Amino acid sequence: MKVTIADLKRGDKALIKDITTDGIPLKLLEMGCLPGNEVQMLQTAPFKCPMYLNINGSHLAIRKETAAQIEVQIL
C-alpha cells in the first residue's frame, strides 16, 4: 500500500521515498521536498487542507492534493 504525506497524522514523522514531479510545484522541490529528506506533520486545517509540515527545518503549507503525490515511509 502506498503511503503519502496526505495519510500522516499530527506529529507523525516520515522519510520521503518518491515524488510525482509532474504535479509538484518547483518551489517545494527547491525548499527540500526531495527523496531522502525527513518530513513531520505539524498541523492540519479543517478538512485536512492545507497541511502544515516541517521538512528539514522549513515550515511549509501544502494542499492535500499535492501531499497525496509525495510517497513516504513512516518512521
N, C-alpha and C. Protein backbone atom coordinates (compact mmCIF):
# COMPACT_ATOMS: atom_id res chain seq x y z
N MET A 1 0.83 -1.18 0.00
CA MET A 1 0.00 0.00 0.00
C MET A 1 0.88 1.25 0.00
N LYS A 2 0.55 2.18 -0.85
CA LYS A 2 1.31 3.42 -0.98
C LYS A 2 0.88 4.40 0.10
N VAL A 3 1.83 4.85 0.92
CA VAL A 3 1.56 5.83 1.98
C VAL A 3 2.10 7.18 1.51
N THR A 4 1.28 8.21 1.62
CA THR A 4 1.68 9.55 1.19
C THR A 4 1.63 10.52 2.37
N ILE A 5 2.11 11.74 2.15
CA ILE A 5 2.05 12.76 3.19
C ILE A 5 0.61 13.02 3.61
N ALA A 6 -0.32 12.88 2.68
CA ALA A 6 -1.74 13.11 2.99
C ALA A 6 -2.26 12.11 4.02
N ASP A 7 -1.59 10.98 4.19
CA ASP A 7 -2.02 9.95 5.15
C ASP A 7 -1.47 10.18 6.55
N LEU A 8 -0.52 11.09 6.70
CA LEU A 8 0.10 11.32 8.01
C LEU A 8 -0.87 12.00 8.97
N LYS A 9 -0.68 11.69 10.25
CA LYS A 9 -1.45 12.34 11.31
C LYS A 9 -0.54 13.33 12.04
N ARG A 10 -1.13 14.21 12.80
CA ARG A 10 -0.37 15.23 13.53
C ARG A 10 0.74 14.59 14.37
N GLY A 11 1.96 15.07 14.21
CA GLY A 11 3.10 14.56 14.97
C GLY A 11 3.86 13.45 14.28
N ASP A 12 3.29 12.82 13.24
CA ASP A 12 3.97 11.73 12.54
C ASP A 12 5.20 12.24 11.81
N LYS A 13 6.24 11.40 11.78
CA LYS A 13 7.45 11.68 11.02
C LYS A 13 7.61 10.61 9.96
N ALA A 14 8.16 11.00 8.83
CA ALA A 14 8.35 10.05 7.73
C ALA A 14 9.50 10.50 6.86
N LEU A 15 10.01 9.56 6.04
CA LEU A 15 11.03 9.86 5.05
C LEU A 15 10.38 9.89 3.68
N ILE A 16 10.72 10.88 2.90
CA ILE A 16 10.18 10.97 1.55
C ILE A 16 10.85 9.90 0.69
N LYS A 17 10.03 9.06 0.05
CA LYS A 17 10.54 7.99 -0.80
C LYS A 17 10.52 8.34 -2.27
N ASP A 18 9.39 8.88 -2.73
CA ASP A 18 9.22 9.14 -4.16
C ASP A 18 8.26 10.31 -4.35
N ILE A 19 8.49 11.05 -5.42
CA ILE A 19 7.67 12.22 -5.72
C ILE A 19 7.21 12.15 -7.17
N THR A 20 5.94 12.44 -7.40
CA THR A 20 5.44 12.59 -8.75
C THR A 20 5.74 14.03 -9.16
N THR A 21 6.84 14.23 -9.88
CA THR A 21 7.31 15.59 -10.16
C THR A 21 6.39 16.38 -11.08
N ASP A 22 5.52 15.73 -11.81
CA ASP A 22 4.62 16.45 -12.72
C ASP A 22 3.68 17.38 -11.96
N GLY A 23 3.19 16.95 -10.79
CA GLY A 23 2.22 17.74 -10.06
C GLY A 23 2.78 18.52 -8.88
N ILE A 24 4.09 18.49 -8.69
CA ILE A 24 4.71 19.15 -7.55
C ILE A 24 5.28 20.49 -8.00
N PRO A 25 4.91 21.58 -7.34
CA PRO A 25 5.48 22.89 -7.69
C PRO A 25 7.00 22.90 -7.48
N LEU A 26 7.71 23.54 -8.37
CA LEU A 26 9.17 23.61 -8.30
C LEU A 26 9.64 24.22 -6.99
N LYS A 27 8.88 25.14 -6.44
CA LYS A 27 9.24 25.79 -5.18
C LYS A 27 9.35 24.77 -4.04
N LEU A 28 8.48 23.76 -4.02
CA LEU A 28 8.57 22.72 -2.98
C LEU A 28 9.87 21.94 -3.12
N LEU A 29 10.25 21.61 -4.33
CA LEU A 29 11.50 20.88 -4.54
C LEU A 29 12.69 21.72 -4.10
N GLU A 30 12.65 23.02 -4.40
CA GLU A 30 13.74 23.90 -4.01
C GLU A 30 13.84 24.06 -2.50
N MET A 31 12.73 23.90 -1.79
CA MET A 31 12.73 24.06 -0.33
C MET A 31 13.07 22.76 0.40
N GLY A 32 13.45 21.72 -0.33
CA GLY A 32 13.91 20.49 0.31
C GLY A 32 12.94 19.34 0.29
N CYS A 33 11.87 19.44 -0.42
CA CYS A 33 10.90 18.35 -0.50
C CYS A 33 11.40 17.35 -1.55
N LEU A 34 12.43 16.60 -1.15
CA LEU A 34 13.11 15.68 -2.05
C LEU A 34 13.23 14.30 -1.41
N PRO A 35 13.35 13.23 -2.22
CA PRO A 35 13.52 11.89 -1.66
C PRO A 35 14.71 11.83 -0.71
N GLY A 36 14.50 11.15 0.43
CA GLY A 36 15.55 11.00 1.44
C GLY A 36 15.44 12.00 2.58
N ASN A 37 14.67 13.05 2.39
CA ASN A 37 14.51 14.06 3.45
C ASN A 37 13.38 13.67 4.39
N GLU A 38 13.50 14.13 5.63
CA GLU A 38 12.50 13.82 6.66
C GLU A 38 11.41 14.88 6.67
N VAL A 39 10.18 14.43 6.86
CA VAL A 39 9.03 15.32 6.94
C VAL A 39 8.26 15.01 8.22
N GLN A 40 7.75 16.05 8.86
CA GLN A 40 6.92 15.88 10.05
C GLN A 40 5.63 16.67 9.87
N MET A 41 4.51 16.01 10.16
CA MET A 41 3.21 16.67 10.09
C MET A 41 3.04 17.50 11.35
N LEU A 42 2.93 18.81 11.20
CA LEU A 42 2.78 19.71 12.34
C LEU A 42 1.31 19.91 12.69
N GLN A 43 0.50 20.15 11.67
CA GLN A 43 -0.90 20.50 11.93
C GLN A 43 -1.66 20.48 10.61
N THR A 44 -2.96 20.31 10.69
CA THR A 44 -3.80 20.41 9.51
C THR A 44 -4.94 21.38 9.79
N ALA A 45 -5.36 22.05 8.76
CA ALA A 45 -6.52 22.93 8.85
C ALA A 45 -7.78 22.07 8.74
N PRO A 46 -8.94 22.64 8.97
CA PRO A 46 -10.18 21.87 8.81
C PRO A 46 -10.23 21.21 7.43
N PHE A 47 -10.75 20.01 7.38
CA PHE A 47 -10.85 19.19 6.16
C PHE A 47 -9.49 18.82 5.60
N LYS A 48 -8.43 18.88 6.44
CA LYS A 48 -7.06 18.48 6.10
C LYS A 48 -6.47 19.26 4.93
N CYS A 49 -6.88 20.50 4.75
CA CYS A 49 -6.32 21.30 3.66
C CYS A 49 -6.29 22.76 4.07
N PRO A 50 -5.16 23.41 4.15
CA PRO A 50 -3.83 22.89 3.83
C PRO A 50 -3.24 22.10 4.99
N MET A 51 -2.11 21.47 4.70
CA MET A 51 -1.38 20.68 5.68
C MET A 51 -0.08 21.42 5.99
N TYR A 52 0.24 21.57 7.27
CA TYR A 52 1.44 22.29 7.70
C TYR A 52 2.52 21.29 8.05
N LEU A 53 3.67 21.39 7.39
CA LEU A 53 4.74 20.41 7.51
C LEU A 53 6.06 21.06 7.90
N ASN A 54 6.93 20.25 8.49
CA ASN A 54 8.31 20.63 8.73
C ASN A 54 9.17 19.70 7.88
N ILE A 55 9.83 20.27 6.88
CA ILE A 55 10.71 19.47 6.02
C ILE A 55 12.11 20.05 6.14
N ASN A 56 12.99 19.29 6.81
CA ASN A 56 14.38 19.72 7.02
C ASN A 56 14.48 21.12 7.60
N GLY A 57 13.65 21.42 8.57
CA GLY A 57 13.70 22.71 9.24
C GLY A 57 12.89 23.81 8.58
N SER A 58 12.35 23.56 7.41
CA SER A 58 11.50 24.55 6.73
C SER A 58 10.03 24.23 7.01
N HIS A 59 9.29 25.23 7.40
CA HIS A 59 7.85 25.05 7.65
C HIS A 59 7.10 25.41 6.37
N LEU A 60 6.31 24.45 5.89
CA LEU A 60 5.59 24.61 4.63
C LEU A 60 4.12 24.30 4.82
N ALA A 61 3.30 24.92 4.01
CA ALA A 61 1.87 24.60 3.95
C ALA A 61 1.59 24.14 2.53
N ILE A 62 1.05 22.93 2.39
CA ILE A 62 0.74 22.42 1.06
C ILE A 62 -0.69 21.91 1.03
N ARG A 63 -1.24 21.87 -0.17
CA ARG A 63 -2.60 21.36 -0.35
C ARG A 63 -2.61 19.84 -0.24
N LYS A 64 -3.75 19.31 0.12
CA LYS A 64 -3.91 17.87 0.28
C LYS A 64 -3.65 17.14 -1.04
N GLU A 65 -4.07 17.73 -2.16
CA GLU A 65 -3.86 17.11 -3.47
C GLU A 65 -2.37 16.97 -3.79
N THR A 66 -1.59 17.97 -3.40
CA THR A 66 -0.14 17.91 -3.61
C THR A 66 0.48 16.89 -2.67
N ALA A 67 0.05 16.87 -1.42
CA ALA A 67 0.58 15.92 -0.43
C ALA A 67 0.33 14.48 -0.85
N ALA A 68 -0.76 14.23 -1.55
CA ALA A 68 -1.10 12.87 -1.97
C ALA A 68 -0.18 12.37 -3.08
N GLN A 69 0.65 13.22 -3.65
CA GLN A 69 1.57 12.82 -4.71
C GLN A 69 2.98 12.57 -4.20
N ILE A 70 3.17 12.70 -2.88
CA ILE A 70 4.51 12.51 -2.29
C ILE A 70 4.47 11.25 -1.42
N GLU A 71 5.12 10.21 -1.91
CA GLU A 71 5.14 8.92 -1.20
C GLU A 71 6.17 8.96 -0.08
N VAL A 72 5.79 8.43 1.10
CA VAL A 72 6.68 8.45 2.26
C VAL A 72 6.73 7.08 2.94
N GLN A 73 7.72 6.94 3.80
CA GLN A 73 7.85 5.77 4.68
C GLN A 73 7.80 6.29 6.11
N ILE A 74 6.78 5.88 6.86
CA ILE A 74 6.59 6.38 8.22
C ILE A 74 7.70 5.83 9.12
N LEU A 75 8.25 6.71 9.96
CA LEU A 75 9.32 6.32 10.90
C LEU A 75 8.73 5.86 12.22
